[in-house]
Amino acid sequence: MSESSWELPGSPVRRRAALWGTAARVAARYGIVRVSRPPRARRLARAHERGARDVYRTAIHLRGGFLKFGQFASA
């Protein structure tokens, strides 16, 4: 395996933008659900699904760089 295959994609600024952009999208969806009127259960389930999809895609793209964000968010 070459050394370049271990490098993270993009610059540090682009990686941070991807992390924070994903976090903002997920948070915005939950915010919309919170202020929406009933029935919220279906909207909340959709927010969970879309958030999980966004987090998964970003984590795969950043190859582990996302773990640091998770550690930061859970602290």
C-alpha atoms as a PDB file:
ATOM      1  CA  MET A   1       0.000   0.000   0.000  1.00  0.00           C
ATOM      2  CA  SER A   2       1.456   3.357  -0.971  1.00  0.00           C
ATOM      3  CA  GLU A   3       1.947   6.150   1.520  1.00  0.00           C
ATOM      4  CA  SER A   4      -0.353   8.463  -0.434  1.00  0.00           C
ATOM      5  CA  SER A   5      -3.285   6.074   0.033  1.00  0.00           C
ATOM      6  CA  TRP A   6      -3.176   6.770   3.771  1.00  0.00           C
ATOM      7  CA  GLU A   7      -3.590  10.513   3.350  1.00  0.00           C
ATOM      8  CA  LEU A   8      -6.907  12.100   4.166  1.00  0.00           C
ATOM      9  CA  PRO A   9      -8.774  13.661   1.248  1.00  0.00           C
ATOM     10  CA  GLY A  10      -8.594  17.413   0.711  1.00  0.00           C
ATOM     11  CA  SER A  11      -7.029  20.128   2.782  1.00  0.00           C
ATOM     12  CA  PRO A  12      -7.618  20.516   6.523  1.00  0.00           C
ATOM     13  CA  VAL A  13      -9.927  23.457   5.797  1.00  0.00           C
ATOM     14  CA  ARG A  14     -12.036  21.390   3.400  1.00  0.00           C
ATOM     15  CA  ARG A  15     -12.237  18.522   5.900  1.00  0.00           C
ATOM     16  CA  ARG A  16     -13.382  20.896   8.649  1.00  0.00           C
ATOM     17  CA  ALA A  17     -15.934  22.409   6.284  1.00  0.00           C
ATOM     18  CA  ALA A  18     -17.266  18.923   5.489  1.00  0.00           C
ATOM     19  CA  LEU A  19     -17.532  18.077   9.196  1.00  0.00           C
ATOM     20  CA  TRP A  20     -19.198  21.302  10.232  1.00  0.00           C
ATOM     21  CA  GLY A  21     -21.434  21.332   7.164  1.00  0.00           C
ATOM     22  CA  THR A  22     -22.700  17.857   7.990  1.00  0.00           C
ATOM     23  CA  ALA A  23     -23.225  18.809  11.634  1.00  0.00           C
ATOM     24  CA  ALA A  24     -25.133  21.942  10.597  1.00  0.00           C
ATOM     25  CA  ARG A  25     -27.413  19.984   8.242  1.00  0.00           C
ATOM     26  CA  VAL A  26     -28.195  17.396  10.913  1.00  0.00           C
ATOM     27  CA  ALA A  27     -28.812  20.060  13.577  1.00  0.00           C
ATOM     28  CA  ALA A  28     -31.008  22.097  11.233  1.00  0.00           C
ATOM     29  CA  ARG A  29     -33.192  19.079  10.516  1.00  0.00           C
ATOM     30  CA  TYR A  30     -33.722  18.455  14.216  1.00  0.00           C
ATOM     31  CA  GLY A  31     -34.421  22.150  14.754  1.00  0.00           C
ATOM     32  CA  ILE A  32     -37.085  22.080  12.064  1.00  0.00           C
ATOM     33  CA  VAL A  33     -38.686  19.020  13.655  1.00  0.00           C
ATOM     34  CA  ARG A  34     -38.639  20.721  17.047  1.00  0.00           C
ATOM     35  CA  VAL A  35     -40.517  23.819  15.877  1.00  0.00           C
ATOM     36  CA  SER A  36     -42.888  21.979  13.544  1.00  0.00           C
ATOM     37  CA  ARG A  37     -46.403  21.114  14.517  1.00  0.00           C
ATOM     38  CA  PRO A  38     -47.596  17.545  15.090  1.00  0.00           C
ATOM     39  CA  PRO A  39     -47.301  14.843  13.854  1.00  0.00           C
ATOM     40  CA  ARG A  40     -43.621  14.998  14.669  1.00  0.00           C
ATOM     41  CA  ALA A  41     -42.903  11.258  14.832  1.00  0.00           C
ATOM     42  CA  ARG A  42     -42.660  10.835  11.065  1.00  0.00           C
ATOM     43  CA  ARG A  43     -40.571  13.994  10.651  1.00  0.00           C
ATOM     44  CA  LEU A  44     -38.277  12.879  13.458  1.00  0.00           C
ATOM     45  CA  ALA A  45     -37.825   9.438  11.892  1.00  0.00           C
ATOM     46  CA  ARG A  46     -36.966  11.101   8.572  1.00  0.00           C
ATOM     47  CA  ALA A  47     -34.474  13.405  10.318  1.00  0.00           C
ATOM     48  CA  HIS A  48     -32.837  10.350  11.945  1.00  0.00           C
ATOM     49  CA  GLU A  49     -32.554   8.548   8.603  1.00  0.00           C
ATOM     50  CA  ARG A  50     -31.199  11.530   6.697  1.00  0.00           C
ATOM     51  CA  GLY A  51     -28.817  12.451   9.494  1.00  0.00           C
ATOM     52  CA  ALA A  52     -27.462   8.919   9.665  1.00  0.00           C
ATOM     53  CA  ARG A  53     -27.011   8.890   5.892  1.00  0.00           C
ATOM     54  CA  ASP A  54     -25.162  12.234   5.921  1.00  0.00           C
ATOM     55  CA  VAL A  55     -22.907  11.220   8.814  1.00  0.00           C
ATOM     56  CA  TYR A  56     -22.129   7.875   7.167  1.00  0.00           C
ATOM     57  CA  ARG A  57     -21.240   9.442   3.822  1.00  0.00           C
ATOM     58  CA  THR A  58     -19.024  12.059   5.433  1.00  0.00           C
ATOM     59  CA  ALA A  59     -17.318   9.471   7.647  1.00  0.00           C
ATOM     60  CA  ILE A  60     -16.560   7.259   4.645  1.00  0.00           C
ATOM     61  CA  HIS A  61     -15.266  10.219   2.654  1.00  0.00           C
ATOM     62  CA  LEU A  62     -12.996  11.440   5.465  1.00  0.00           C
ATOM     63  CA  ARG A  63     -11.818   7.930   6.398  1.00  0.00           C
ATOM     64  CA  GLY A  64     -11.695   8.212  10.172  1.00  0.00           C
ATOM     65  CA  GLY A  65     -11.271  11.951  10.441  1.00  0.00           C
ATOM     66  CA  PHE A  66     -14.899  12.021  11.491  1.00  0.00           C
ATOM     67  CA  LEU A  67     -14.073  10.099  14.678  1.00  0.00           C
ATOM     68  CA  LYS A  68     -12.392  13.164  16.137  1.00  0.00           C
ATOM     69  CA  PHE A  69     -15.553  15.164  15.574  1.00  0.00           C
ATOM     70  CA  GLY A  70     -17.558  12.479  17.385  1.00  0.00           C
ATOM     71  CA  GLN A  71     -15.134  12.532  20.283  1.00  0.00           C
ATOM     72  CA  PHE A  72     -15.381  16.314  20.436  1.00  0.00           C
ATOM     73  CA  ALA A  73     -19.185  16.304  20.261  1.00  0.00           C
ATOM     74  CA  SER A  74     -19.538  13.680  22.985  1.00  0.00           C
ATOM     75  CA  ALA A  75     -17.219  15.478  25.415  1.00  0.00           C
END
